[in-house]
N, C-alpha and C. Protein backbone atom coordinates (compact mmCIF):
# COMPACT_ATOMS: atom_id res chain seq x y z
N MET A 1 27.10 -50.93 23.12
CA MET A 1 25.36 -50.38 22.85
C MET A 1 24.74 -51.44 22.97
N ASN A 2 23.47 -51.78 23.53
CA ASN A 2 22.41 -52.66 23.12
C ASN A 2 21.02 -52.37 22.18
N ALA A 3 21.30 -51.72 20.80
CA ALA A 3 20.42 -50.87 20.48
C ALA A 3 21.00 -51.13 19.01
N ARG A 4 19.85 -50.69 17.74
CA ARG A 4 20.11 -50.99 16.42
C ARG A 4 18.87 -49.91 16.08
N SER A 5 19.28 -49.19 14.83
CA SER A 5 18.13 -48.37 14.19
C SER A 5 17.09 -49.49 13.29
N ASN A 6 15.94 -48.98 13.48
CA ASN A 6 15.58 -49.49 12.76
C ASN A 6 14.53 -49.08 11.48
N TYR A 7 15.53 -48.20 11.42
CA TYR A 7 15.31 -46.99 9.76
C TYR A 7 13.92 -46.90 9.51
N TRP A 8 13.25 -46.25 9.94
CA TRP A 8 11.76 -46.61 9.98
C TRP A 8 11.53 -45.19 9.38
N LEU A 9 12.05 -43.83 9.83
CA LEU A 9 11.97 -42.66 8.68
C LEU A 9 13.11 -42.16 7.86
N ASN A 10 13.12 -42.22 6.77
CA ASN A 10 13.84 -41.63 5.74
C ASN A 10 13.65 -40.71 5.36
N ALA A 11 14.37 -39.53 4.98
CA ALA A 11 14.16 -38.71 4.74
C ALA A 11 15.07 -37.71 3.52
N ILE A 12 15.01 -36.43 2.87
CA ILE A 12 15.42 -35.84 2.27
C ILE A 12 15.26 -34.70 2.15
N ILE A 13 16.29 -33.64 1.62
CA ILE A 13 16.05 -32.23 2.13
C ILE A 13 16.36 -31.69 0.64
N MET A 14 15.34 -30.84 -0.04
CA MET A 14 15.29 -30.46 -1.09
C MET A 14 15.88 -29.05 -1.23
N PRO A 15 16.45 -28.47 -2.41
CA PRO A 15 16.63 -27.14 -2.42
C PRO A 15 15.47 -26.05 -1.76
N ASP A 16 14.47 -26.25 -2.15
CA ASP A 16 13.79 -25.54 -1.81
C ASP A 16 12.15 -25.75 -2.01
N ARG A 17 11.13 -24.96 -1.59
CA ARG A 17 9.59 -25.20 -1.55
C ARG A 17 8.88 -26.00 -2.97
N LYS A 18 9.90 -24.91 -3.93
CA LYS A 18 8.86 -25.28 -5.09
C LYS A 18 9.55 -26.82 -6.12
N THR A 19 11.11 -27.01 -5.54
CA THR A 19 11.85 -28.35 -6.06
C THR A 19 10.47 -29.42 -4.83
N ARG A 20 10.91 -29.20 -3.73
CA ARG A 20 10.05 -30.13 -2.92
C ARG A 20 8.77 -30.32 -3.86
N GLY A 21 7.84 -29.37 -4.29
CA GLY A 21 6.40 -29.77 -4.17
C GLY A 21 6.31 -30.64 -5.82
N GLU A 22 7.55 -30.43 -6.65
CA GLU A 22 7.44 -30.74 -7.80
C GLU A 22 8.17 -32.47 -7.67
N PHE A 23 9.15 -32.49 -6.91
CA PHE A 23 9.39 -33.86 -6.08
C PHE A 23 8.39 -34.83 -6.02
N LEU A 24 7.44 -34.06 -4.92
CA LEU A 24 6.30 -34.80 -4.28
C LEU A 24 5.15 -35.44 -5.42
N LYS A 25 4.91 -34.55 -6.25
CA LYS A 25 4.35 -34.64 -7.38
C LYS A 25 4.41 -35.72 -8.13
N ALA A 26 5.76 -35.69 -8.50
CA ALA A 26 6.22 -36.66 -9.32
C ALA A 26 6.66 -38.00 -9.02
N THR A 27 7.00 -38.30 -7.83
CA THR A 27 7.19 -39.52 -7.08
C THR A 27 5.82 -39.91 -6.91
N ASN A 28 4.79 -39.28 -6.49
CA ASN A 28 3.54 -39.75 -5.70
C ASN A 28 2.95 -40.27 -7.59
N ASN A 29 3.06 -39.71 -8.69
CA ASN A 29 2.46 -39.68 -9.65
C ASN A 29 3.22 -41.10 -10.22
N ALA A 30 4.34 -41.29 -9.71
CA ALA A 30 4.76 -42.42 -10.71
C ALA A 30 4.59 -43.81 -9.13
N ASN A 31 3.82 -43.48 -7.96
CA ASN A 31 3.32 -44.21 -7.03
C ASN A 31 4.24 -44.89 -6.15
N VAL A 32 5.19 -43.94 -6.11
CA VAL A 32 5.71 -43.77 -4.68
C VAL A 32 5.43 -42.66 -3.75
N MET A 33 4.94 -43.56 -2.80
CA MET A 33 3.84 -42.57 -1.62
C MET A 33 5.03 -41.49 -0.78
N THR A 34 5.71 -40.63 -1.38
CA THR A 34 6.07 -39.77 -0.95
C THR A 34 5.15 -38.76 0.34
N ARG A 35 6.04 -37.92 1.34
CA ARG A 35 5.14 -37.00 1.73
C ARG A 35 6.03 -36.08 2.39
N PRO A 36 5.53 -34.71 2.49
CA PRO A 36 5.96 -33.60 2.88
C PRO A 36 6.21 -33.83 4.76
N ILE A 37 7.35 -33.41 5.61
CA ILE A 37 7.61 -33.48 6.59
C ILE A 37 6.23 -32.83 7.43
N TRP A 38 6.12 -33.01 8.67
CA TRP A 38 5.29 -33.10 9.31
C TRP A 38 4.78 -31.20 9.42
N ARG A 39 3.68 -31.17 9.74
CA ARG A 39 3.53 -29.43 9.65
C ARG A 39 3.81 -28.81 11.01
N LEU A 40 4.76 -27.75 11.17
CA LEU A 40 5.15 -27.91 12.75
C LEU A 40 3.97 -27.13 13.75
N LEU A 41 4.15 -27.71 14.71
CA LEU A 41 2.81 -27.68 16.12
C LEU A 41 2.03 -26.40 16.05
N ASN A 42 3.30 -25.38 16.05
CA ASN A 42 3.04 -24.14 15.99
C ASN A 42 2.19 -23.58 15.11
N LYS A 43 1.54 -24.50 13.78
CA LYS A 43 0.37 -23.51 13.06
C LYS A 43 -1.06 -24.98 12.86
N LEU A 44 -0.67 -25.61 14.28
CA LEU A 44 -2.27 -26.04 14.43
C LEU A 44 -3.20 -25.32 15.27
N GLU A 45 -3.93 -25.53 14.65
CA GLU A 45 -5.09 -24.74 15.32
C GLU A 45 -5.36 -24.72 17.10
N MET A 46 -5.37 -25.85 17.54
CA MET A 46 -4.84 -25.94 19.00
C MET A 46 -3.70 -25.25 19.51
N TYR A 47 -2.54 -24.95 18.91
CA TYR A 47 -1.44 -24.61 19.66
C TYR A 47 -1.08 -22.73 18.90
N LYS A 48 -1.82 -22.34 17.93
CA LYS A 48 -1.52 -20.98 17.47
C LYS A 48 -1.58 -19.90 18.31
N ASN A 49 -1.78 -20.03 19.64
CA ASN A 49 -2.07 -18.85 20.58
C ASN A 49 -0.64 -19.37 21.47
N CYS A 50 0.13 -20.32 21.32
CA CYS A 50 1.53 -20.52 22.18
C CYS A 50 2.25 -19.81 21.84
N GLN A 51 2.93 -19.54 22.88
CA GLN A 51 4.91 -18.98 22.61
C GLN A 51 5.30 -19.51 21.96
N THR A 52 6.29 -19.07 20.81
CA THR A 52 7.21 -19.55 20.52
C THR A 52 8.13 -18.48 19.76
N ASP A 53 9.37 -18.82 19.42
CA ASP A 53 10.54 -18.52 19.06
C ASP A 53 10.16 -18.20 17.39
N ASP A 54 11.31 -17.48 16.64
CA ASP A 54 11.05 -17.41 15.36
C ASP A 54 11.00 -18.88 14.56
N LEU A 55 11.56 -19.76 15.03
CA LEU A 55 11.79 -20.98 14.69
C LEU A 55 12.28 -20.88 12.97
N GLU A 56 13.16 -20.09 12.70
CA GLU A 56 13.55 -19.90 11.31
C GLU A 56 14.24 -21.39 11.00
N ASN A 57 14.99 -21.87 11.78
CA ASN A 57 15.76 -23.38 10.94
C ASN A 57 14.27 -24.51 10.73
N ALA A 58 13.36 -24.24 11.76
CA ALA A 58 12.41 -25.33 11.97
C ALA A 58 11.40 -25.43 10.53
N HIS A 59 11.23 -23.55 9.87
CA HIS A 59 10.35 -22.94 8.79
C HIS A 59 11.11 -23.49 8.03
N TRP A 60 12.80 -23.30 7.74
CA TRP A 60 13.54 -23.43 6.62
C TRP A 60 13.41 -25.46 6.44
N LEU A 61 13.58 -26.16 7.52
CA LEU A 61 13.05 -27.48 7.36
C LEU A 61 11.73 -27.59 6.56
N GLU A 62 10.74 -27.17 7.12
CA GLU A 62 9.68 -27.61 6.87
C GLU A 62 9.05 -27.26 5.21
N ASP A 63 9.92 -26.43 4.86
CA ASP A 63 9.48 -26.29 3.21
C ASP A 63 10.54 -27.07 1.97
N ARG A 64 11.31 -27.96 2.61
CA ARG A 64 12.58 -28.71 2.04
C ARG A 64 12.22 -29.66 2.40
N VAL A 65 11.62 -30.67 3.82
CA VAL A 65 12.17 -31.89 3.70
C VAL A 65 10.88 -32.90 3.34
N VAL A 66 11.07 -33.93 2.43
CA VAL A 66 10.24 -35.27 2.20
C VAL A 66 10.90 -36.36 2.77
N ASN A 67 10.05 -37.15 3.37
CA ASN A 67 9.92 -38.08 4.15
C ASN A 67 9.80 -39.69 2.80
N ILE A 68 10.49 -40.35 2.80
CA ILE A 68 10.47 -41.15 1.79
C ILE A 68 10.56 -42.75 1.98
N PRO A 69 9.54 -43.31 1.16
CA PRO A 69 9.60 -44.73 1.64
C PRO A 69 10.31 -45.25 2.48
N SER A 70 9.96 -46.04 3.56
CA SER A 70 11.70 -46.98 4.13
C SER A 70 11.35 -48.43 3.70
N SER A 71 10.40 -48.86 2.82
CA SER A 71 10.10 -50.49 2.93
C SER A 71 9.82 -50.26 1.51
N VAL A 72 9.46 -51.53 0.71
CA VAL A 72 8.39 -51.65 -0.22
C VAL A 72 7.50 -53.12 -0.34
N ILE A 73 6.40 -52.31 -0.66
CA ILE A 73 4.85 -52.70 -0.61
C ILE A 73 4.97 -53.52 -1.72
N VAL A 74 5.23 -54.73 -1.61
CA VAL A 74 4.55 -56.03 -2.77
C VAL A 74 3.31 -56.10 -3.22
């Protein structure tokens, strides 16, 4: 294969939404710029009336995934 990863987006899965929130607060207070995963598109105003499934797995991940820095800014 003639390709390689650029490791642009690194993420971790937290045990639950509460733990995710605590982790985000602690890391951002320590100047480590972490953020929650993007919101599901069906939650955006422009897509609120679109047909969806129950999206059980997507909701589970949205509550737990944190994007972490992939490089260091000096």
